[in-house]
Amino acid sequence: MIRGIKFVSIPVLDQDRALHFYTEKLGMRVQTDQAFSPTQRWIELAFSGAETGLVLFTPPGHEDRIGSFQPMSLWCDDVRATAAILKGKGVQFEQEPKQEQWGTSAIFLDGDGNRFVLSSR
């Protein structure tokens, strides 16, 4: 039976720039970084203690997804505090932290314009 999500792929234009953003600004660690094709590497990242990873890879023919809204939400204990830390590292927010009925959320962008929801659990 299925036991969980191994990784989610993030479409990026420049893998080196994306790797810098996700490791230096978001604090992810590299699980795998190896050649995949003549034009791309397979870069798999993870947050400390998380079971699900992110892959910085754009399948051929899916380049139109780069810079789009990503269908996932990243959670943290304190959205406002985390947003302040990320802003201090130069992360751009499209939506400032805002209180919802279910909790707090914000939307930030990576270097390719991909949008992510940051929310409380």
C-alpha atoms as a PDB file:
ATOM      1  CA  MET A   1       0.000   0.000   0.000  1.00  0.00           C
ATOM      2  CA  ILE A   2       0.982   3.629  -0.463  1.00  0.00           C
ATOM      3  CA  ARG A   3       2.718   4.953   2.623  1.00  0.00           C
ATOM      4  CA  GLY A   4       3.195   8.645   1.849  1.00  0.00           C
ATOM      5  CA  ILE A   5       4.567  11.269  -0.502  1.00  0.00           C
ATOM      6  CA  LYS A   6       8.265  10.882  -1.288  1.00  0.00           C
ATOM      7  CA  PHE A   7       8.795  14.209  -3.058  1.00  0.00           C
ATOM      8  CA  VAL A   8       7.105  16.990  -4.988  1.00  0.00           C
ATOM      9  CA  SER A   9       8.787  18.435  -8.081  1.00  0.00           C
ATOM     10  CA  ILE A  10       9.296  22.197  -8.397  1.00  0.00           C
ATOM     11  CA  PRO A  11       9.796  23.432 -11.989  1.00  0.00           C
ATOM     12  CA  VAL A  12      12.778  25.779 -12.196  1.00  0.00           C
ATOM     13  CA  LEU A  13      14.706  27.606 -14.940  1.00  0.00           C
ATOM     14  CA  ASP A  14      18.135  27.623 -13.321  1.00  0.00           C
ATOM     15  CA  GLN A  15      18.904  24.699 -11.026  1.00  0.00           C
ATOM     16  CA  ASP A  16      21.956  26.374  -9.445  1.00  0.00           C
ATOM     17  CA  ARG A  17      20.012  29.523  -8.571  1.00  0.00           C
ATOM     18  CA  ALA A  18      17.103  27.422  -7.256  1.00  0.00           C
ATOM     19  CA  LEU A  19      19.451  25.241  -5.192  1.00  0.00           C
ATOM     20  CA  HIS A  20      20.896  28.384  -3.571  1.00  0.00           C
ATOM     21  CA  PHE A  21      17.396  29.727  -2.781  1.00  0.00           C
ATOM     22  CA  TYR A  22      16.055  26.519  -1.252  1.00  0.00           C
ATOM     23  CA  THR A  23      19.161  25.724   0.806  1.00  0.00           C
ATOM     24  CA  GLU A  24      20.345  29.204   1.834  1.00  0.00           C
ATOM     25  CA  LYS A  25      17.012  30.982   2.225  1.00  0.00           C
ATOM     26  CA  LEU A  26      14.601  28.165   3.184  1.00  0.00           C
ATOM     27  CA  GLY A  27      17.120  26.011   5.054  1.00  0.00           C
ATOM     28  CA  MET A  28      16.640  22.760   3.145  1.00  0.00           C
ATOM     29  CA  ARG A  29      19.429  20.189   2.904  1.00  0.00           C
ATOM     30  CA  VAL A  30      20.575  18.319  -0.201  1.00  0.00           C
ATOM     31  CA  GLN A  31      19.577  14.648  -0.309  1.00  0.00           C
ATOM     32  CA  THR A  32      20.714  14.013  -3.912  1.00  0.00           C
ATOM     33  CA  ASP A  33      22.446  16.120  -6.553  1.00  0.00           C
ATOM     34  CA  GLN A  34      23.472  14.097  -9.590  1.00  0.00           C
ATOM     35  CA  ALA A  35      23.353  14.178 -13.383  1.00  0.00           C
ATOM     36  CA  PHE A  36      19.980  13.233 -14.859  1.00  0.00           C
ATOM     37  CA  SER A  37      20.237  14.304 -18.484  1.00  0.00           C
ATOM     38  CA  PRO A  38      22.611  16.401 -20.607  1.00  0.00           C
ATOM     39  CA  THR A  39      20.716  19.539 -19.551  1.00  0.00           C
ATOM     40  CA  GLN A  40      19.481  18.824 -16.003  1.00  0.00           C
ATOM     41  CA  ARG A  41      20.519  17.382 -12.660  1.00  0.00           C
ATOM     42  CA  TRP A  42      18.324  15.463 -10.239  1.00  0.00           C
ATOM     43  CA  ILE A  43      18.342  17.649  -7.132  1.00  0.00           C
ATOM     44  CA  GLU A  44      16.346  16.285  -4.200  1.00  0.00           C
ATOM     45  CA  LEU A  45      16.053  18.395  -1.020  1.00  0.00           C
ATOM     46  CA  ALA A  46      14.466  17.953   2.402  1.00  0.00           C
ATOM     47  CA  PHE A  47      13.659  19.985   5.494  1.00  0.00           C
ATOM     48  CA  SER A  48      15.211  18.640   8.706  1.00  0.00           C
ATOM     49  CA  GLY A  49      12.836  16.135  10.262  1.00  0.00           C
ATOM     50  CA  ALA A  50      10.423  16.070   7.298  1.00  0.00           C
ATOM     51  CA  GLU A  51       9.556  12.891   5.422  1.00  0.00           C
ATOM     52  CA  THR A  52       8.562  14.579   2.149  1.00  0.00           C
ATOM     53  CA  GLY A  53      11.171  16.187  -0.091  1.00  0.00           C
ATOM     54  CA  LEU A  54      11.284  18.651  -2.980  1.00  0.00           C
ATOM     55  CA  VAL A  55      12.929  18.033  -6.341  1.00  0.00           C
ATOM     56  CA  LEU A  56      14.241  20.959  -8.423  1.00  0.00           C
ATOM     57  CA  PHE A  57      13.535  19.547 -11.863  1.00  0.00           C
ATOM     58  CA  THR A  58      11.472  20.496 -14.907  1.00  0.00           C
ATOM     59  CA  PRO A  59      10.335  17.577 -17.072  1.00  0.00           C
ATOM     60  CA  PRO A  60      10.753  18.310 -20.796  1.00  0.00           C
ATOM     61  CA  GLY A  61       7.571  19.873 -22.151  1.00  0.00           C
ATOM     62  CA  HIS A  62       6.535  21.296 -18.758  1.00  0.00           C
ATOM     63  CA  GLU A  63       8.503  24.546 -18.910  1.00  0.00           C
ATOM     64  CA  ASP A  64       5.218  26.497 -18.923  1.00  0.00           C
ATOM     65  CA  ARG A  65       4.745  25.546 -15.254  1.00  0.00           C
ATOM     66  CA  ILE A  66       7.778  27.543 -14.148  1.00  0.00           C
ATOM     67  CA  GLY A  67       6.643  30.628 -12.236  1.00  0.00           C
ATOM     68  CA  SER A  68       3.196  29.281 -11.443  1.00  0.00           C
ATOM     69  CA  PHE A  69       1.280  28.695  -8.245  1.00  0.00           C
ATOM     70  CA  GLN A  70       2.488  25.463  -6.675  1.00  0.00           C
ATOM     71  CA  PRO A  71      -0.238  23.081  -5.460  1.00  0.00           C
ATOM     72  CA  MET A  72       1.221  22.617  -1.989  1.00  0.00           C
ATOM     73  CA  SER A  73       1.362  24.358   1.327  1.00  0.00           C
ATOM     74  CA  LEU A  74       4.397  24.483   3.604  1.00  0.00           C
ATOM     75  CA  TRP A  75       3.659  24.650   7.321  1.00  0.00           C
ATOM     76  CA  CYS A  76       5.462  26.159  10.269  1.00  0.00           C
ATOM     77  CA  ASP A  77       4.677  26.812  13.923  1.00  0.00           C
ATOM     78  CA  ASP A  78       4.554  30.613  13.622  1.00  0.00           C
ATOM     79  CA  VAL A  79       3.804  32.072  10.183  1.00  0.00           C
ATOM     80  CA  ARG A  80       4.500  35.683  11.173  1.00  0.00           C
ATOM     81  CA  ALA A  81       7.880  34.884  12.765  1.00  0.00           C
ATOM     82  CA  THR A  82       8.898  32.593   9.897  1.00  0.00           C
ATOM     83  CA  ALA A  83       7.883  35.217   7.313  1.00  0.00           C
ATOM     84  CA  ALA A  84      10.003  37.807   9.138  1.00  0.00           C
ATOM     85  CA  ILE A  85      13.037  35.471   9.094  1.00  0.00           C
ATOM     86  CA  LEU A  86      12.546  34.673   5.400  1.00  0.00           C
ATOM     87  CA  LYS A  87      12.145  38.364   4.516  1.00  0.00           C
ATOM     88  CA  GLY A  88      15.422  39.013   6.331  1.00  0.00           C
ATOM     89  CA  LYS A  89      17.017  36.548   3.915  1.00  0.00           C
ATOM     90  CA  GLY A  90      15.530  38.370   0.922  1.00  0.00           C
ATOM     91  CA  VAL A  91      12.508  36.148   0.254  1.00  0.00           C
ATOM     92  CA  GLN A  92       9.739  38.071  -1.492  1.00  0.00           C
ATOM     93  CA  PHE A  93       6.156  37.759  -0.208  1.00  0.00           C
ATOM     94  CA  GLU A  94       3.178  38.203  -2.491  1.00  0.00           C
ATOM     95  CA  GLN A  95       0.775  38.054   0.458  1.00  0.00           C
ATOM     96  CA  GLU A  96       1.767  39.129   3.950  1.00  0.00           C
ATOM     97  CA  PRO A  97       0.786  36.848   6.852  1.00  0.00           C
ATOM     98  CA  LYS A  98      -2.917  37.053   7.395  1.00  0.00           C
ATOM     99  CA  GLN A  99      -5.253  35.504   9.918  1.00  0.00           C
ATOM    100  CA  GLU A 100      -7.827  33.117   8.431  1.00  0.00           C
ATOM    101  CA  GLN A 101     -10.623  31.231  10.227  1.00  0.00           C
ATOM    102  CA  TRP A 102      -8.489  28.092  10.170  1.00  0.00           C
ATOM    103  CA  GLY A 103      -5.131  29.703  11.024  1.00  0.00           C
ATOM    104  CA  THR A 104      -2.531  32.054   9.536  1.00  0.00           C
ATOM    105  CA  SER A 105      -1.204  32.010   5.975  1.00  0.00           C
ATOM    106  CA  ALA A 106       1.146  33.927   3.680  1.00  0.00           C
ATOM    107  CA  ILE A 107       2.343  33.463   0.090  1.00  0.00           C
ATOM    108  CA  PHE A 108       6.010  33.721  -0.897  1.00  0.00           C
ATOM    109  CA  LEU A 109       7.878  33.420  -4.198  1.00  0.00           C
ATOM    110  CA  ASP A 110      11.064  31.617  -5.124  1.00  0.00           C
ATOM    111  CA  GLY A 111      13.633  32.948  -7.614  1.00  0.00           C
ATOM    112  CA  ASP A 112      11.597  31.666 -10.592  1.00  0.00           C
ATOM    113  CA  GLY A 113       8.328  33.238  -9.432  1.00  0.00           C
ATOM    114  CA  ASN A 114       6.851  29.951  -8.175  1.00  0.00           C
ATOM    115  CA  ARG A 115       4.327  30.781  -5.462  1.00  0.00           C
ATOM    116  CA  PHE A 116       3.999  28.816  -2.201  1.00  0.00           C
ATOM    117  CA  VAL A 117       1.548  29.020   0.662  1.00  0.00           C
ATOM    118  CA  LEU A 118       3.136  29.183   4.102  1.00  0.00           C
ATOM    119  CA  SER A 119       0.620  28.271   6.770  1.00  0.00           C
ATOM    120  CA  SER A 120       0.101  27.187  10.327  1.00  0.00           C
ATOM    121  CA  ARG A 121      -0.671  23.532  10.807  1.00  0.00           C
END
